[in-house]
Structure formats: structure tokens, C-alpha cells
Amino acid sequence: MVDLKSNVEKLPVHESITVHNYVNLYKTDKWWAAVALCESFGRKDISLYQWQNREGSWKRQSKWKIKNQAEWLAIKNVVERMLENI
């Protein structure tokens, strides 16, 4: 379930990235995933992050950027087609 009131904590992203808003997908003691509206170098994008807590510090495990609506629609269409097989 998506936590719509999750943007209270600061996300552990690089200092050059401005996070305008985010929504947690999940957060446990060991793993954290969020979708964030970010800006860096004058460009905005939507990023899907996953971090792992290693020795008390959140380290980025993966990051996926979605740069525009066309890219999102392509991803969405493929995922929806795959979901038909579950």
C-alpha cells in the first residue's frame, strides 16, 4: 500500500538532487523504496529508488529514472501486458 503522507523524512539522495515530493512504497529496518519527483542540473524527472540499510546507513541499491510521459507509457504498457500472465 502506498503511504501518501510519507514525505516527512528526508530521502537519502545525493546533495545535488532536489527532491520536490516523494511517496514511500515501503520501508522496513533493512529496505526502503520510494518514488520521487526530483530535479538535478535544471531537469526534473520521476525516480524510483531502492536503498538498503547497511550498518545504520542507507545506501542506494538501485535507481530508475522516468524522464517523460512517453517513456512512462512504454514501461506501463509492458508491465500491464506481463501482469496478464500472473
N, C-alpha and C. Protein backbone atom coordinates (compact mmCIF):
# COMPACT_ATOMS: atom_id res chain seq x y z
N MET A 1 0.84 -1.19 0.00
CA MET A 1 0.00 0.00 0.00
C MET A 1 0.88 1.25 0.00
N VAL A 2 0.51 2.24 -0.74
CA VAL A 2 1.27 3.48 -0.85
C VAL A 2 0.91 4.42 0.29
N ASP A 3 1.92 4.93 0.96
CA ASP A 3 1.75 5.86 2.08
C ASP A 3 1.81 7.29 1.53
N LEU A 4 0.65 7.93 1.39
CA LEU A 4 0.60 9.26 0.79
C LEU A 4 1.09 10.37 1.71
N LYS A 5 1.35 10.06 2.98
CA LYS A 5 1.84 11.07 3.91
C LYS A 5 3.30 10.80 4.26
N SER A 6 4.04 10.27 3.31
CA SER A 6 5.38 9.79 3.62
C SER A 6 6.48 10.82 3.45
N ASN A 7 6.19 11.97 2.90
CA ASN A 7 7.27 12.89 2.57
C ASN A 7 7.69 13.77 3.74
N VAL A 8 7.76 13.20 4.93
CA VAL A 8 8.18 13.93 6.11
C VAL A 8 9.69 13.77 6.31
N GLU A 9 10.21 12.58 6.08
CA GLU A 9 11.63 12.31 6.21
C GLU A 9 12.38 12.80 4.98
N LYS A 10 13.62 13.12 5.16
CA LYS A 10 14.47 13.49 4.03
C LYS A 10 15.00 12.21 3.37
N LEU A 11 14.86 12.12 2.06
CA LEU A 11 15.36 10.95 1.35
C LEU A 11 16.88 10.97 1.30
N PRO A 12 17.51 9.81 1.39
CA PRO A 12 18.98 9.74 1.35
C PRO A 12 19.51 9.79 -0.08
N VAL A 13 19.37 10.94 -0.72
CA VAL A 13 19.85 11.12 -2.10
C VAL A 13 21.06 12.05 -2.10
N HIS A 14 21.75 12.09 -3.22
CA HIS A 14 22.93 12.95 -3.35
C HIS A 14 22.54 14.41 -3.14
N GLU A 15 23.46 15.17 -2.57
CA GLU A 15 23.19 16.58 -2.25
C GLU A 15 22.89 17.45 -3.46
N SER A 16 23.27 17.00 -4.66
CA SER A 16 23.00 17.78 -5.87
C SER A 16 21.57 17.58 -6.38
N ILE A 17 20.83 16.68 -5.77
CA ILE A 17 19.46 16.37 -6.19
C ILE A 17 18.48 17.06 -5.25
N THR A 18 17.54 17.81 -5.82
CA THR A 18 16.47 18.43 -5.05
C THR A 18 15.24 17.53 -5.16
N VAL A 19 14.72 17.10 -4.03
CA VAL A 19 13.50 16.29 -4.00
C VAL A 19 12.33 17.22 -3.75
N HIS A 20 11.43 17.33 -4.73
CA HIS A 20 10.26 18.20 -4.59
C HIS A 20 9.14 17.51 -3.84
N ASN A 21 9.01 16.22 -4.04
CA ASN A 21 7.96 15.44 -3.37
C ASN A 21 8.31 13.97 -3.53
N TYR A 22 7.82 13.14 -2.63
CA TYR A 22 8.01 11.70 -2.79
C TYR A 22 6.92 10.94 -2.06
N VAL A 23 6.81 9.68 -2.44
CA VAL A 23 5.88 8.76 -1.78
C VAL A 23 6.63 7.47 -1.50
N ASN A 24 6.60 7.03 -0.24
CA ASN A 24 7.19 5.74 0.11
C ASN A 24 6.38 4.62 -0.50
N LEU A 25 7.06 3.65 -1.08
CA LEU A 25 6.39 2.42 -1.48
C LEU A 25 6.41 1.43 -0.32
N TYR A 26 7.56 1.35 0.36
CA TYR A 26 7.67 0.57 1.59
C TYR A 26 8.96 0.98 2.30
N LYS A 27 8.98 0.73 3.60
CA LYS A 27 10.18 0.97 4.39
C LYS A 27 10.19 0.01 5.56
N THR A 28 11.27 -0.76 5.65
CA THR A 28 11.49 -1.66 6.78
C THR A 28 12.81 -1.25 7.44
N ASP A 29 13.24 -2.03 8.41
CA ASP A 29 14.53 -1.74 9.04
C ASP A 29 15.69 -1.90 8.06
N LYS A 30 15.51 -2.77 7.06
CA LYS A 30 16.60 -3.08 6.14
C LYS A 30 16.43 -2.50 4.73
N TRP A 31 15.21 -2.32 4.25
CA TRP A 31 14.95 -1.87 2.88
C TRP A 31 14.01 -0.68 2.86
N TRP A 32 14.21 0.19 1.87
CA TRP A 32 13.37 1.38 1.70
C TRP A 32 13.23 1.63 0.21
N ALA A 33 12.00 1.82 -0.25
CA ALA A 33 11.75 2.15 -1.66
C ALA A 33 10.78 3.33 -1.72
N ALA A 34 11.04 4.23 -2.68
CA ALA A 34 10.20 5.42 -2.83
C ALA A 34 10.21 5.88 -4.28
N VAL A 35 9.13 6.57 -4.64
CA VAL A 35 9.05 7.25 -5.93
C VAL A 35 9.16 8.74 -5.64
N ALA A 36 10.07 9.43 -6.35
CA ALA A 36 10.34 10.83 -6.03
C ALA A 36 10.32 11.71 -7.27
N LEU A 37 9.77 12.91 -7.10
CA LEU A 37 9.87 13.94 -8.12
C LEU A 37 11.13 14.73 -7.78
N CYS A 38 12.14 14.60 -8.64
CA CYS A 38 13.46 15.17 -8.37
C CYS A 38 13.86 16.19 -9.43
N GLU A 39 14.82 17.00 -9.05
CA GLU A 39 15.40 17.94 -10.00
C GLU A 39 16.91 17.95 -9.80
N SER A 40 17.63 17.82 -10.90
CA SER A 40 19.08 17.95 -10.85
C SER A 40 19.56 18.52 -12.17
N PHE A 41 20.54 19.40 -12.10
CA PHE A 41 21.10 20.06 -13.27
C PHE A 41 20.02 20.72 -14.12
N GLY A 42 18.99 21.29 -13.45
CA GLY A 42 17.93 22.01 -14.14
C GLY A 42 16.88 21.15 -14.80
N ARG A 43 16.93 19.84 -14.61
CA ARG A 43 15.94 18.94 -15.22
C ARG A 43 15.16 18.20 -14.15
N LYS A 44 13.88 18.06 -14.38
CA LYS A 44 13.02 17.30 -13.47
C LYS A 44 12.80 15.90 -14.05
N ASP A 45 12.65 14.94 -13.16
CA ASP A 45 12.29 13.58 -13.55
C ASP A 45 11.62 12.89 -12.37
N ILE A 46 11.05 11.76 -12.65
CA ILE A 46 10.50 10.90 -11.61
C ILE A 46 11.50 9.77 -11.43
N SER A 47 11.91 9.52 -10.21
CA SER A 47 12.88 8.47 -9.95
C SER A 47 12.31 7.46 -8.97
N LEU A 48 12.55 6.21 -9.26
CA LEU A 48 12.19 5.12 -8.36
C LEU A 48 13.48 4.67 -7.69
N TYR A 49 13.53 4.82 -6.37
CA TYR A 49 14.73 4.49 -5.60
C TYR A 49 14.48 3.25 -4.74
N GLN A 50 15.59 2.54 -4.50
CA GLN A 50 15.59 1.47 -3.50
C GLN A 50 16.92 1.57 -2.75
N TRP A 51 16.83 1.62 -1.41
CA TRP A 51 18.01 1.68 -0.58
C TRP A 51 18.05 0.48 0.35
N GLN A 52 19.26 0.15 0.77
CA GLN A 52 19.45 -0.91 1.76
C GLN A 52 20.17 -0.30 2.95
N ASN A 53 19.70 -0.63 4.14
CA ASN A 53 20.32 -0.14 5.36
C ASN A 53 21.49 -1.06 5.69
N ARG A 54 22.69 -0.49 5.58
CA ARG A 54 23.91 -1.24 5.88
C ARG A 54 24.63 -0.57 7.03
N GLU A 55 24.67 -1.27 8.14
CA GLU A 55 25.36 -0.78 9.34
C GLU A 55 24.85 0.59 9.78
N GLY A 56 23.53 0.78 9.70
CA GLY A 56 22.90 2.01 10.18
C GLY A 56 22.87 3.15 9.19
N SER A 57 23.29 2.91 7.95
CA SER A 57 23.31 3.96 6.93
C SER A 57 22.60 3.47 5.67
N TRP A 58 21.75 4.33 5.10
CA TRP A 58 21.02 3.96 3.89
C TRP A 58 21.93 4.14 2.67
N LYS A 59 22.11 3.05 1.93
CA LYS A 59 22.92 3.05 0.71
C LYS A 59 22.02 2.73 -0.47
N ARG A 60 22.15 3.52 -1.54
CA ARG A 60 21.31 3.29 -2.72
C ARG A 60 21.66 1.94 -3.35
N GLN A 61 20.62 1.14 -3.52
CA GLN A 61 20.77 -0.17 -4.15
C GLN A 61 20.43 -0.07 -5.64
N SER A 62 19.39 0.72 -5.96
CA SER A 62 19.02 0.90 -7.36
C SER A 62 18.25 2.21 -7.54
N LYS A 63 18.29 2.68 -8.78
CA LYS A 63 17.58 3.91 -9.13
C LYS A 63 17.13 3.79 -10.58
N TRP A 64 15.90 4.17 -10.83
CA TRP A 64 15.35 4.14 -12.18
C TRP A 64 14.71 5.49 -12.45
N LYS A 65 15.15 6.17 -13.50
CA LYS A 65 14.60 7.48 -13.85
C LYS A 65 13.57 7.33 -14.96
N ILE A 66 12.48 8.07 -14.82
CA ILE A 66 11.47 8.19 -15.88
C ILE A 66 11.49 9.65 -16.29
N LYS A 67 11.90 9.91 -17.52
CA LYS A 67 12.16 11.28 -17.95
C LYS A 67 10.97 11.99 -18.56
N ASN A 68 10.00 11.22 -19.09
CA ASN A 68 8.86 11.87 -19.74
C ASN A 68 7.68 10.91 -19.81
N GLN A 69 6.55 11.42 -20.24
CA GLN A 69 5.32 10.63 -20.28
C GLN A 69 5.41 9.47 -21.27
N ALA A 70 6.05 9.69 -22.41
CA ALA A 70 6.18 8.62 -23.42
C ALA A 70 6.97 7.44 -22.85
N GLU A 71 8.03 7.74 -22.14
CA GLU A 71 8.83 6.67 -21.52
C GLU A 71 7.99 5.91 -20.49
N TRP A 72 7.24 6.66 -19.66
CA TRP A 72 6.38 6.01 -18.67
C TRP A 72 5.33 5.12 -19.34
N LEU A 73 4.69 5.60 -20.39
CA LEU A 73 3.66 4.81 -21.06
C LEU A 73 4.23 3.53 -21.65
N ALA A 74 5.44 3.59 -22.17
CA ALA A 74 6.08 2.38 -22.70
C ALA A 74 6.32 1.36 -21.59
N ILE A 75 6.82 1.82 -20.46
CA ILE A 75 7.06 0.93 -19.31
C ILE A 75 5.74 0.38 -18.81
N LYS A 76 4.75 1.25 -18.65
CA LYS A 76 3.44 0.86 -18.13
C LYS A 76 2.79 -0.19 -19.01
N ASN A 77 2.86 -0.01 -20.32
CA ASN A 77 2.25 -0.97 -21.24
C ASN A 77 2.89 -2.35 -21.14
N VAL A 78 4.21 -2.39 -21.04
CA VAL A 78 4.89 -3.68 -20.92
C VAL A 78 4.53 -4.36 -19.61
N VAL A 79 4.53 -3.62 -18.52
CA VAL A 79 4.19 -4.20 -17.21
C VAL A 79 2.76 -4.71 -17.21
N GLU A 80 1.82 -3.94 -17.76
CA GLU A 80 0.43 -4.38 -17.80
C GLU A 80 0.26 -5.65 -18.61
N ARG A 81 0.98 -5.77 -19.73
CA ARG A 81 0.93 -7.00 -20.52
C ARG A 81 1.49 -8.19 -19.74
N MET A 82 2.55 -7.97 -19.01
CA MET A 82 3.13 -9.05 -18.21
C MET A 82 2.21 -9.46 -17.06
N LEU A 83 1.51 -8.48 -16.49
CA LEU A 83 0.59 -8.78 -15.38
C LEU A 83 -0.53 -9.71 -15.80
N GLU A 84 -0.86 -9.72 -17.07
CA GLU A 84 -1.89 -10.62 -17.57
C GLU A 84 -1.50 -12.08 -17.41
N ASN A 85 -0.21 -12.35 -17.26
CA ASN A 85 0.28 -13.72 -17.13
C ASN A 85 0.47 -14.17 -15.68
N ILE A 86 0.09 -13.32 -14.76
CA ILE A 86 0.22 -13.70 -13.33
C ILE A 86 -1.07 -14.36 -12.86
